[in-house]
Every structure is written in C-alpha cells, then in structure tokens.
Amino acid sequence: MTDDTVTDAAGEVFELGIDPSGLADDDLFRELASLHRTRLQTLRHGPDAALDNHLRRTAELETEYLARYPGREVDPSRLVWRGSQMLLESPTPADR
C-alpha cells in the first residue's frame, strides 16, 4: 500500500490503496473482483466514509481497466435489455 490515507469526520483512517496504474493485470482483476464482491455490504451497512472510499476506489480501478482494455470484449447478447429484446421480437401491428 502507499502512504496515502484519508481521515473521515469521526477520525477513522482509510488507506487509499496502490495506484491502479502500478498494478499488474492479475492484481487489477483481483482488486476489482474484491470490490464488486463487497459492494452490497458496504452500501447497506458501511459508514459513509467507507462507502465514499469504496466508490472512489471502484472508479479508480474501473477507469484503469477501461484505459488498458478500451476494445474489451462485449457479449452481443448483453447489448439489449431482456425486456426490450422481447419487444423487438414481438410482432408489430403490421406483422399481425
């Protein structure tokens, strides 16, 4: 970890973490997985400072991921919402 820390209003200290640009790909993926795994718990039960830290760190890591993989693989089946897809597949009045 770096020496960078943040202190909230209650005096709790949070480490800011390693600069994402300094992480190897495997470490970046591990950090992203950890954040996504803990997201709901932090949102529902964490103090405001923890949520702020979580949001900041997620943004840093996701920004780094997108910078490294601007042409990331996108699953074509995920481009359309299921509800919209059903509408697109439904016959239109002209087709009936």
PDB file of N, CA and C in Angstrom:
ATOM      1  N   MET A   1       0.830  -1.187   0.000  1.00  0.00           N
ATOM      2  CA  MET A   1       0.000   0.000   0.000  1.00  0.00           C
ATOM      3  C   MET A   1       0.876   1.252   0.000  1.00  0.00           C
ATOM      4  N   THR A   2       0.283   2.334  -0.414  1.00  0.00           N
ATOM      5  CA  THR A   2       1.005   3.598  -0.389  1.00  0.00           C
ATOM      6  C   THR A   2       0.848   4.212   0.992  1.00  0.00           C
ATOM      7  N   ASP A   3       1.501   5.338   1.207  1.00  0.00           N
ATOM      8  CA  ASP A   3       1.371   6.051   2.469  1.00  0.00           C
ATOM      9  C   ASP A   3       0.170   6.990   2.458  1.00  0.00           C
ATOM     10  N   ASP A   4      -0.555   7.026   1.341  1.00  0.00           N
ATOM     11  CA  ASP A   4      -1.701   7.920   1.226  1.00  0.00           C
ATOM     12  C   ASP A   4      -2.864   7.389   2.049  1.00  0.00           C
ATOM     13  N   THR A   5      -3.394   8.256   2.905  1.00  0.00           N
ATOM     14  CA  THR A   5      -4.552   7.898   3.715  1.00  0.00           C
ATOM     15  C   THR A   5      -5.537   9.042   3.706  1.00  0.00           C
ATOM     16  N   VAL A   6      -6.748   8.721   4.133  1.00  0.00           N
ATOM     17  CA  VAL A   6      -7.811   9.707   4.257  1.00  0.00           C
ATOM     18  C   VAL A   6      -8.410   9.517   5.634  1.00  0.00           C
ATOM     19  N   THR A   7      -8.749  10.589   6.302  1.00  0.00           N
ATOM     20  CA  THR A   7      -9.372  10.518   7.619  1.00  0.00           C
ATOM     21  C   THR A   7     -10.772  11.097   7.525  1.00  0.00           C
ATOM     22  N   ASP A   8     -11.768  10.342   8.000  1.00  0.00           N
ATOM     23  CA  ASP A   8     -13.140  10.840   7.943  1.00  0.00           C
ATOM     24  C   ASP A   8     -13.422  11.752   9.132  1.00  0.00           C
ATOM     25  N   ALA A   9     -14.647  12.279   9.196  1.00  0.00           N
ATOM     26  CA  ALA A   9     -15.028  13.227  10.247  1.00  0.00           C
ATOM     27  C   ALA A   9     -14.947  12.607  11.640  1.00  0.00           C
ATOM     28  N   ALA A  10     -15.119  11.289  11.718  1.00  0.00           N
ATOM     29  CA  ALA A  10     -15.064  10.604  13.012  1.00  0.00           C
ATOM     30  C   ALA A  10     -13.631  10.243  13.395  1.00  0.00           C
ATOM     31  N   GLY A  11     -12.675  10.579  12.538  1.00  0.00           N
ATOM     32  CA  GLY A  11     -11.284  10.292  12.835  1.00  0.00           C
ATOM     33  C   GLY A  11     -10.815   8.922  12.359  1.00  0.00           C
ATOM     34  N   GLU A  12     -11.679   8.193  11.645  1.00  0.00           N
ATOM     35  CA  GLU A  12     -11.289   6.878  11.131  1.00  0.00           C
ATOM     36  C   GLU A  12     -10.397   7.064   9.904  1.00  0.00           C
ATOM     37  N   VAL A  13      -9.302   6.310   9.877  1.00  0.00           N
ATOM     38  CA  VAL A  13      -8.318   6.433   8.796  1.00  0.00           C
ATOM     39  C   VAL A  13      -8.513   5.309   7.792  1.00  0.00           C
ATOM     40  N   PHE A  14      -8.546   5.674   6.503  1.00  0.00           N
ATOM     41  CA  PHE A  14      -8.673   4.707   5.422  1.00  0.00           C
ATOM     42  C   PHE A  14      -7.466   4.837   4.510  1.00  0.00           C
ATOM     43  N   GLU A  15      -6.881   3.703   4.140  1.00  0.00           N
ATOM     44  CA  GLU A  15      -5.793   3.723   3.177  1.00  0.00           C
ATOM     45  C   GLU A  15      -6.388   3.886   1.790  1.00  0.00           C
ATOM     46  N   LEU A  16      -5.725   4.680   0.951  1.00  0.00           N
ATOM     47  CA  LEU A  16      -6.228   4.925  -0.389  1.00  0.00           C
ATOM     48  C   LEU A  16      -5.895   3.796  -1.345  1.00  0.00           C
ATOM     49  N   GLY A  17      -4.890   3.018  -1.056  1.00  0.00           N
ATOM     50  CA  GLY A  17      -4.546   1.890  -1.914  1.00  0.00           C
ATOM     51  C   GLY A  17      -3.473   2.233  -2.925  1.00  0.00           C
ATOM     52  N   ILE A  18      -2.983   1.202  -3.566  1.00  0.00           N
ATOM     53  CA  ILE A  18      -1.937   1.341  -4.581  1.00  0.00           C
ATOM     54  C   ILE A  18      -2.523   2.003  -5.814  1.00  0.00           C
ATOM     55  N   ASP A  19      -1.756   2.870  -6.426  1.00  0.00           N
ATOM     56  CA  ASP A  19      -2.168   3.500  -7.678  1.00  0.00           C
ATOM     57  C   ASP A  19      -2.482   2.384  -8.677  1.00  0.00           C
ATOM     58  N   PRO A  20      -3.689   2.372  -9.243  1.00  0.00           N
ATOM     59  CA  PRO A  20      -4.063   1.299 -10.151  1.00  0.00           C
ATOM     60  C   PRO A  20      -3.129   1.134 -11.349  1.00  0.00           C
ATOM     61  N   SER A  21      -2.509   2.201 -11.791  1.00  0.00           N
ATOM     62  CA  SER A  21      -1.598   2.084 -12.937  1.00  0.00           C
ATOM     63  C   SER A  21      -0.366   1.255 -12.593  1.00  0.00           C
ATOM     64  N   GLY A  22      -0.085   1.089 -11.302  1.00  0.00           N
ATOM     65  CA  GLY A  22       1.053   0.301 -10.872  1.00  0.00           C
ATOM     66  C   GLY A  22       0.731  -1.171 -10.632  1.00  0.00           C
ATOM     67  N   LEU A  23      -0.537  -1.543 -10.810  1.00  0.00           N
ATOM     68  CA  LEU A  23      -0.938  -2.928 -10.589  1.00  0.00           C
ATOM     69  C   LEU A  23      -0.745  -3.769 -11.851  1.00  0.00           C
ATOM     70  N   ALA A  24      -0.298  -4.992 -11.670  1.00  0.00           N
ATOM     71  CA  ALA A  24      -0.263  -5.940 -12.777  1.00  0.00           C
ATOM     72  C   ALA A  24      -1.710  -6.307 -13.112  1.00  0.00           C
ATOM     73  N   ASP A  25      -1.948  -6.820 -14.317  1.00  0.00           N
ATOM     74  CA  ASP A  25      -3.305  -7.165 -14.723  1.00  0.00           C
ATOM     75  C   ASP A  25      -3.991  -8.099 -13.729  1.00  0.00           C
ATOM     76  N   ASP A  26      -3.301  -9.142 -13.285  1.00  0.00           N
ATOM     77  CA  ASP A  26      -3.895 -10.082 -12.334  1.00  0.00           C
ATOM     78  C   ASP A  26      -4.296  -9.388 -11.039  1.00  0.00           C
ATOM     79  N   ASP A  27      -3.472  -8.462 -10.583  1.00  0.00           N
ATOM     80  CA  ASP A  27      -3.780  -7.729  -9.355  1.00  0.00           C
ATOM     81  C   ASP A  27      -4.968  -6.787  -9.566  1.00  0.00           C
ATOM     82  N   LEU A  28      -5.017  -6.157 -10.731  1.00  0.00           N
ATOM     83  CA  LEU A  28      -6.140  -5.276 -11.049  1.00  0.00           C
ATOM     84  C   LEU A  28      -7.449  -6.067 -11.046  1.00  0.00           C
ATOM     85  N   PHE A  29      -7.450  -7.237 -11.695  1.00  0.00           N
ATOM     86  CA  PHE A  29      -8.650  -8.065 -11.735  1.00  0.00           C
ATOM     87  C   PHE A  29      -9.043  -8.538 -10.333  1.00  0.00           C
ATOM     88  N   ARG A  30      -8.055  -8.904  -9.523  1.00  0.00           N
ATOM     89  CA  ARG A  30      -8.332  -9.351  -8.155  1.00  0.00           C
ATOM     90  C   ARG A  30      -8.946  -8.216  -7.337  1.00  0.00           C
ATOM     91  N   GLU A  31      -8.389  -7.017  -7.465  1.00  0.00           N
ATOM     92  CA  GLU A  31      -8.922  -5.867  -6.726  1.00  0.00           C
ATOM     93  C   GLU A  31     -10.344  -5.531  -7.171  1.00  0.00           C
ATOM     94  N   LEU A  32     -10.592  -5.574  -8.470  1.00  0.00           N
ATOM     95  CA  LEU A  32     -11.947  -5.311  -8.975  1.00  0.00           C
ATOM     96  C   LEU A  32     -12.933  -6.355  -8.455  1.00  0.00           C
ATOM     97  N   ALA A  33     -12.537  -7.623  -8.493  1.00  0.00           N
ATOM     98  CA  ALA A  33     -13.415  -8.688  -8.007  1.00  0.00           C
ATOM     99  C   ALA A  33     -13.729  -8.492  -6.525  1.00  0.00           C
ATOM    100  N   SER A  34     -12.735  -8.107  -5.749  1.00  0.00           N
ATOM    101  CA  SER A  34     -12.942  -7.890  -4.323  1.00  0.00           C
ATOM    102  C   SER A  34     -13.929  -6.751  -4.078  1.00  0.00           C
ATOM    103  N   LEU A  35     -13.769  -5.659  -4.811  1.00  0.00           N
ATOM    104  CA  LEU A  35     -14.679  -4.532  -4.644  1.00  0.00           C
ATOM    105  C   LEU A  35     -16.105  -4.893  -5.033  1.00  0.00           C
ATOM    106  N   HIS A  36     -16.248  -5.600  -6.131  1.00  0.00           N
ATOM    107  CA  HIS A  36     -17.602  -5.973  -6.559  1.00  0.00           C
ATOM    108  C   HIS A  36     -18.225  -6.982  -5.596  1.00  0.00           C
ATOM    109  N   ARG A  37     -17.420  -7.837  -5.022  1.00  0.00           N
ATOM    110  CA  ARG A  37     -17.910  -8.829  -4.062  1.00  0.00           C
ATOM    111  C   ARG A  37     -18.402  -8.150  -2.777  1.00  0.00           C
ATOM    112  N   THR A  38     -17.769  -7.056  -2.376  1.00  0.00           N
ATOM    113  CA  THR A  38     -18.115  -6.387  -1.116  1.00  0.00           C
ATOM    114  C   THR A  38     -19.046  -5.196  -1.294  1.00  0.00           C
ATOM    115  N   ARG A  39     -19.463  -4.937  -2.523  1.00  0.00           N
ATOM    116  CA  ARG A  39     -20.255  -3.743  -2.824  1.00  0.00           C
ATOM    117  C   ARG A  39     -21.542  -3.647  -2.009  1.00  0.00           C
ATOM    118  N   LEU A  40     -22.365  -4.671  -2.019  1.00  0.00           N
ATOM    119  CA  LEU A  40     -23.665  -4.593  -1.355  1.00  0.00           C
ATOM    120  C   LEU A  40     -23.518  -4.414   0.161  1.00  0.00           C
ATOM    121  N   GLN A  41     -22.582  -5.143   0.763  1.00  0.00           N
ATOM    122  CA  GLN A  41     -22.358  -4.999   2.203  1.00  0.00           C
ATOM    123  C   GLN A  41     -21.946  -3.572   2.549  1.00  0.00           C
ATOM    124  N   THR A  42     -21.063  -2.999   1.743  1.00  0.00           N
ATOM    125  CA  THR A  42     -20.612  -1.633   2.002  1.00  0.00           C
ATOM    126  C   THR A  42     -21.763  -0.645   1.822  1.00  0.00           C
ATOM    127  N   LEU A  43     -22.544  -0.827   0.790  1.00  0.00           N
ATOM    128  CA  LEU A  43     -23.677   0.064   0.527  1.00  0.00           C
ATOM    129  C   LEU A  43     -24.710  -0.010   1.646  1.00  0.00           C
ATOM    130  N   ARG A  44     -25.025  -1.214   2.081  1.00  0.00           N
ATOM    131  CA  ARG A  44     -26.080  -1.388   3.076  1.00  0.00           C
ATOM    132  C   ARG A  44     -25.631  -1.114   4.500  1.00  0.00           C
ATOM    133  N   HIS A  45     -24.384  -1.451   4.832  1.00  0.00           N
ATOM    134  CA  HIS A  45     -24.009  -1.448   6.243  1.00  0.00           C
ATOM    135  C   HIS A  45     -22.770  -0.617   6.587  1.00  0.00           C
ATOM    136  N   GLY A  46     -22.056  -0.136   5.589  1.00  0.00           N
ATOM    137  CA  GLY A  46     -20.829   0.608   5.878  1.00  0.00           C
ATOM    138  C   GLY A  46     -21.105   2.056   6.252  1.00  0.00           C
ATOM    139  N   PRO A  47     -20.231   2.642   7.039  1.00  0.00           N
ATOM    140  CA  PRO A  47     -20.367   4.073   7.342  1.00  0.00           C
ATOM    141  C   PRO A  47     -20.142   4.888   6.072  1.00  0.00           C
ATOM    142  N   ASP A  48     -20.570   6.129   6.085  1.00  0.00           N
ATOM    143  CA  ASP A  48     -20.454   6.990   4.907  1.00  0.00           C
ATOM    144  C   ASP A  48     -19.032   7.050   4.361  1.00  0.00           C
ATOM    145  N   ALA A  49     -18.057   7.124   5.257  1.00  0.00           N
ATOM    146  CA  ALA A  49     -16.662   7.211   4.811  1.00  0.00           C
ATOM    147  C   ALA A  49     -16.238   5.944   4.070  1.00  0.00           C
ATOM    148  N   ALA A  50     -16.704   4.796   4.537  1.00  0.00           N
ATOM    149  CA  ALA A  50     -16.370   3.533   3.862  1.00  0.00           C
ATOM    150  C   ALA A  50     -17.017   3.483   2.485  1.00  0.00           C
ATOM    151  N   LEU A  51     -18.257   3.937   2.389  1.00  0.00           N
ATOM    152  CA  LEU A  51     -18.935   3.971   1.094  1.00  0.00           C
ATOM    153  C   LEU A  51     -18.237   4.939   0.145  1.00  0.00           C
ATOM    154  N   ASP A  52     -17.862   6.103   0.655  1.00  0.00           N
ATOM    155  CA  ASP A  52     -17.125   7.067  -0.173  1.00  0.00           C
ATOM    156  C   ASP A  52     -15.818   6.458  -0.676  1.00  0.00           C
ATOM    157  N   ASN A  53     -15.100   5.784   0.200  1.00  0.00           N
ATOM    158  CA  ASN A  53     -13.835   5.151  -0.164  1.00  0.00           C
ATOM    159  C   ASN A  53     -14.065   4.050  -1.197  1.00  0.00           C
ATOM    160  N   HIS A  54     -15.111   3.273  -0.997  1.00  0.00           N
ATOM    161  CA  HIS A  54     -15.450   2.181  -1.915  1.00  0.00           C
ATOM    162  C   HIS A  54     -15.771   2.735  -3.304  1.00  0.00           C
ATOM    163  N   LEU A  55     -16.586   3.782  -3.350  1.00  0.00           N
ATOM    164  CA  LEU A  55     -16.943   4.397  -4.630  1.00  0.00           C
ATOM    165  C   LEU A  55     -15.713   4.966  -5.338  1.00  0.00           C
ATOM    166  N   ARG A  56     -14.846   5.639  -4.577  1.00  0.00           N
ATOM    167  CA  ARG A  56     -13.645   6.230  -5.155  1.00  0.00           C
ATOM    168  C   ARG A  56     -12.725   5.158  -5.709  1.00  0.00           C
ATOM    169  N   ARG A  57     -12.507   4.116  -4.922  1.00  0.00           N
ATOM    170  CA  ARG A  57     -11.590   3.056  -5.344  1.00  0.00           C
ATOM    171  C   ARG A  57     -12.141   2.295  -6.545  1.00  0.00           C
ATOM    172  N   THR A  58     -13.444   2.033  -6.543  1.00  0.00           N
ATOM    173  CA  THR A  58     -14.068   1.363  -7.682  1.00  0.00           C
ATOM    174  C   THR A  58     -13.880   2.197  -8.946  1.00  0.00           C
ATOM    175  N   ALA A  59     -14.111   3.487  -8.857  1.00  0.00           N
ATOM    176  CA  ALA A  59     -13.938   4.368 -10.026  1.00  0.00           C
ATOM    177  C   ALA A  59     -12.488   4.350 -10.508  1.00  0.00           C
ATOM    178  N   GLU A  60     -11.539   4.403  -9.584  1.00  0.00           N
ATOM    179  CA  GLU A  60     -10.119   4.365  -9.976  1.00  0.00           C
ATOM    180  C   GLU A  60      -9.777   3.076 -10.722  1.00  0.00           C
ATOM    181  N   LEU A  61     -10.195   1.956 -10.155  1.00  0.00           N
ATOM    182  CA  LEU A  61      -9.843   0.661 -10.737  1.00  0.00           C
ATOM    183  C   LEU A  61     -10.567   0.430 -12.063  1.00  0.00           C
ATOM    184  N   GLU A  62     -11.838   0.809 -12.147  1.00  0.00           N
ATOM    185  CA  GLU A  62     -12.569   0.629 -13.396  1.00  0.00           C
ATOM    186  C   GLU A  62     -12.040   1.554 -14.488  1.00  0.00           C
ATOM    187  N   THR A  63     -11.641   2.756 -14.121  1.00  0.00           N
ATOM    188  CA  THR A  63     -11.041   3.674 -15.096  1.00  0.00           C
ATOM    189  C   THR A  63      -9.744   3.090 -15.637  1.00  0.00           C
ATOM    190  N   GLU A  64      -8.934   2.516 -14.764  1.00  0.00           N
ATOM    191  CA  GLU A  64      -7.683   1.890 -15.199  1.00  0.00           C
ATOM    192  C   GLU A  64      -7.970   0.696 -16.112  1.00  0.00           C
ATOM    193  N   TYR A  65      -8.950  -0.111 -15.744  1.00  0.00           N
ATOM    194  CA  TYR A  65      -9.316  -1.267 -16.582  1.00  0.00           C
ATOM    195  C   TYR A  65      -9.714  -0.806 -17.984  1.00  0.00           C
ATOM    196  N   LEU A  66     -10.564   0.219 -18.058  1.00  0.00           N
ATOM    197  CA  LEU A  66     -11.014   0.713 -19.363  1.00  0.00           C
ATOM    198  C   LEU A  66      -9.875   1.343 -20.160  1.00  0.00           C
ATOM    199  N   ALA A  67      -8.915   1.944 -19.480  1.00  0.00           N
ATOM    200  CA  ALA A  67      -7.746   2.509 -20.170  1.00  0.00           C
ATOM    201  C   ALA A  67      -6.891   1.390 -20.765  1.00  0.00           C
ATOM    202  N   ARG A  68      -6.771   0.290 -20.054  1.00  0.00           N
ATOM    203  CA  ARG A  68      -5.970  -0.841 -20.544  1.00  0.00           C
ATOM    204  C   ARG A  68      -6.692  -1.635 -21.622  1.00  0.00           C
ATOM    205  N   TYR A  69      -7.999  -1.707 -21.525  1.00  0.00           N
ATOM    206  CA  TYR A  69      -8.793  -2.542 -22.429  1.00  0.00           C
ATOM    207  C   TYR A  69      -9.914  -1.739 -23.084  1.00  0.00           C
ATOM    208  N   PRO A  70      -9.561  -0.725 -23.887  1.00  0.00           N
ATOM    209  CA  PRO A  70     -10.612   0.096 -24.497  1.00  0.00           C
ATOM    210  C   PRO A  70     -11.459  -0.706 -25.490  1.00  0.00           C
ATOM    211  N   GLY A  71     -10.891  -1.751 -26.063  1.00  0.00           N
ATOM    212  CA  GLY A  71     -11.625  -2.587 -27.008  1.00  0.00           C
ATOM    213  C   GLY A  71     -12.044  -3.885 -26.370  1.00  0.00           C
ATOM    214  N   ARG A  72     -12.429  -3.815 -25.087  1.00  0.00           N
ATOM    215  CA  ARG A  72     -12.763  -5.032 -24.352  1.00  0.00           C
ATOM    216  C   ARG A  72     -13.835  -5.820 -25.076  1.00  0.00           C
ATOM    217  N   GLU A  73     -13.857  -7.115 -24.825  1.00  0.00           N
ATOM    218  CA  GLU A  73     -14.850  -7.979 -25.449  1.00  0.00           C
ATOM    219  C   GLU A  73     -16.217  -7.682 -24.843  1.00  0.00           C
ATOM    220  N   VAL A  74     -17.180  -7.457 -25.703  1.00  0.00           N
ATOM    221  CA  VAL A  74     -18.540  -7.202 -25.250  1.00  0.00           C
ATOM    222  C   VAL A  74     -19.414  -8.335 -25.777  1.00  0.00           C
ATOM    223  N   ASP A  75     -20.121  -8.983 -24.876  1.00  0.00           N
ATOM    224  CA  ASP A  75     -21.009 -10.067 -25.246  1.00  0.00           C
ATOM    225  C   ASP A  75     -22.214  -9.467 -25.969  1.00  0.00           C
ATOM    226  N   PRO A  76     -22.411  -9.777 -27.252  1.00  0.00           N
ATOM    227  CA  PRO A  76     -23.515  -9.183 -28.014  1.00  0.00           C
ATOM    228  C   PRO A  76     -24.884  -9.432 -27.387  1.00  0.00           C
ATOM    229  N   SER A  77     -25.033 -10.535 -26.685  1.00  0.00           N
ATOM    230  CA  SER A  77     -26.332 -10.819 -26.068  1.00  0.00           C
ATOM    231  C   SER A  77     -26.638  -9.879 -24.910  1.00  0.00           C
ATOM    232  N   ARG A  78     -25.632  -9.136 -24.449  1.00  0.00           N
ATOM    233  CA  ARG A  78     -25.847  -8.222 -23.327  1.00  0.00           C
ATOM    234  C   ARG A  78     -26.077  -6.792 -23.790  1.00  0.00           C
ATOM    235  N   LEU A  79     -26.142  -6.559 -25.098  1.00  0.00           N
ATOM    236  CA  LEU A  79     -26.315  -5.214 -25.616  1.00  0.00           C
ATOM    237  C   LEU A  79     -27.758  -4.723 -25.528  1.00  0.00           C
ATOM    238  N   VAL A  80     -28.689  -5.626 -25.357  1.00  0.00           N
ATOM    239  CA  VAL A  80     -30.099  -5.265 -25.326  1.00  0.00           C
ATOM    240  C   VAL A  80     -30.716  -5.789 -24.042  1.00  0.00           C
ATOM    241  N   TRP A  81     -31.486  -4.957 -23.387  1.00  0.00           N
ATOM    242  CA  TRP A  81     -32.206  -5.402 -22.196  1.00  0.00           C
ATOM    243  C   TRP A  81     -33.139  -6.526 -22.557  1.00  0.00           C
ATOM    244  N   ARG A  82     -33.349  -7.434 -21.668  1.00  0.00           N
ATOM    245  CA  ARG A  82     -34.232  -8.570 -21.923  1.00  0.00           C
ATOM    246  C   ARG A  82     -35.635  -8.071 -22.272  1.00  0.00           C
ATOM    247  N   GLY A  83     -36.160  -7.099 -21.547  1.00  0.00           N
ATOM    248  CA  GLY A  83     -37.497  -6.565 -21.832  1.00  0.00           C
ATOM    249  C   GLY A  83     -37.568  -5.931 -23.205  1.00  0.00           C
ATOM    250  N   SER A  84     -36.551  -5.156 -23.568  1.00  0.00           N
ATOM    251  CA  SER A  84     -36.511  -4.526 -24.880  1.00  0.00           C
ATOM    252  C   SER A  84     -36.374  -5.572 -25.963  1.00  0.00           C
ATOM    253  N   GLN A  85     -35.576  -6.598 -25.673  1.00  0.00           N
ATOM    254  CA  GLN A  85     -35.374  -7.660 -26.650  1.00  0.00           C
ATOM    255  C   GLN A  85     -36.712  -8.356 -26.919  1.00  0.00           C
ATOM    256  N   MET A  86     -37.489  -8.559 -25.883  1.00  0.00           N
ATOM    257  CA  MET A  86     -38.782  -9.196 -26.063  1.00  0.00           C
ATOM    258  C   MET A  86     -39.687  -8.307 -26.902  1.00  0.00           C
ATOM    259  N   LEU A  87     -39.599  -6.997 -26.693  1.00  0.00           N
ATOM    260  CA  LEU A  87     -40.382  -6.083 -27.512  1.00  0.00           C
ATOM    261  C   LEU A  87     -39.941  -6.143 -28.969  1.00  0.00           C
ATOM    262  N   LEU A  88     -38.609  -6.220 -29.168  1.00  0.00           N
ATOM    263  CA  LEU A  88     -38.101  -6.274 -30.528  1.00  0.00           C
ATOM    264  C   LEU A  88     -38.518  -7.565 -31.226  1.00  0.00           C
ATOM    265  N   GLU A  89     -38.650  -8.643 -30.468  1.00  0.00           N
ATOM    266  CA  GLU A  89     -39.007  -9.928 -31.057  1.00  0.00           C
ATOM    267  C   GLU A  89     -40.510 -10.084 -31.222  1.00  0.00           C
ATOM    268  N   SER A  90     -41.293  -9.257 -30.552  1.00  0.00           N
ATOM    269  CA  SER A  90     -42.750  -9.342 -30.666  1.00  0.00           C
ATOM    270  C   SER A  90     -43.185  -8.826 -32.024  1.00  0.00           C
ATOM    271  N   PRO A  91     -44.207  -9.410 -32.583  1.00  0.00           N
ATOM    272  CA  PRO A  91     -44.686  -8.917 -33.874  1.00  0.00           C
ATOM    273  C   PRO A  91     -45.259  -7.506 -33.735  1.00  0.00           C
ATOM    274  N   THR A  92     -44.990  -6.696 -34.706  1.00  0.00           N
ATOM    275  CA  THR A  92     -45.554  -5.356 -34.727  1.00  0.00           C
ATOM    276  C   THR A  92     -46.981  -5.431 -35.261  1.00  0.00           C
ATOM    277  N   PRO A  93     -47.773  -4.400 -35.067  1.00  0.00           N
ATOM    278  CA  PRO A  93     -49.146  -4.447 -35.600  1.00  0.00           C
ATOM    279  C   PRO A  93     -49.196  -4.757 -37.104  1.00  0.00           C
ATOM    280  N   ALA A  94     -48.200  -4.294 -37.834  1.00  0.00           N
ATOM    281  CA  ALA A  94     -48.181  -4.536 -39.281  1.00  0.00           C
ATOM    282  C   ALA A  94     -47.907  -6.002 -39.592  1.00  0.00           C
ATOM    283  N   ASP A  95     -47.207  -6.706 -38.661  1.00  0.00           N
ATOM    284  CA  ASP A  95     -46.881  -8.105 -38.882  1.00  0.00           C
ATOM    285  C   ASP A  95     -48.016  -9.049 -38.500  1.00  0.00           C
ATOM    286  N   ARG A  96     -48.996  -8.548 -37.778  1.00  0.00           N
ATOM    287  CA  ARG A  96     -50.065  -9.427 -37.279  1.00  0.00           C
ATOM    288  C   ARG A  96     -51.062  -9.765 -38.331  1.00  0.00           C
TER     289      ARG A  96
END
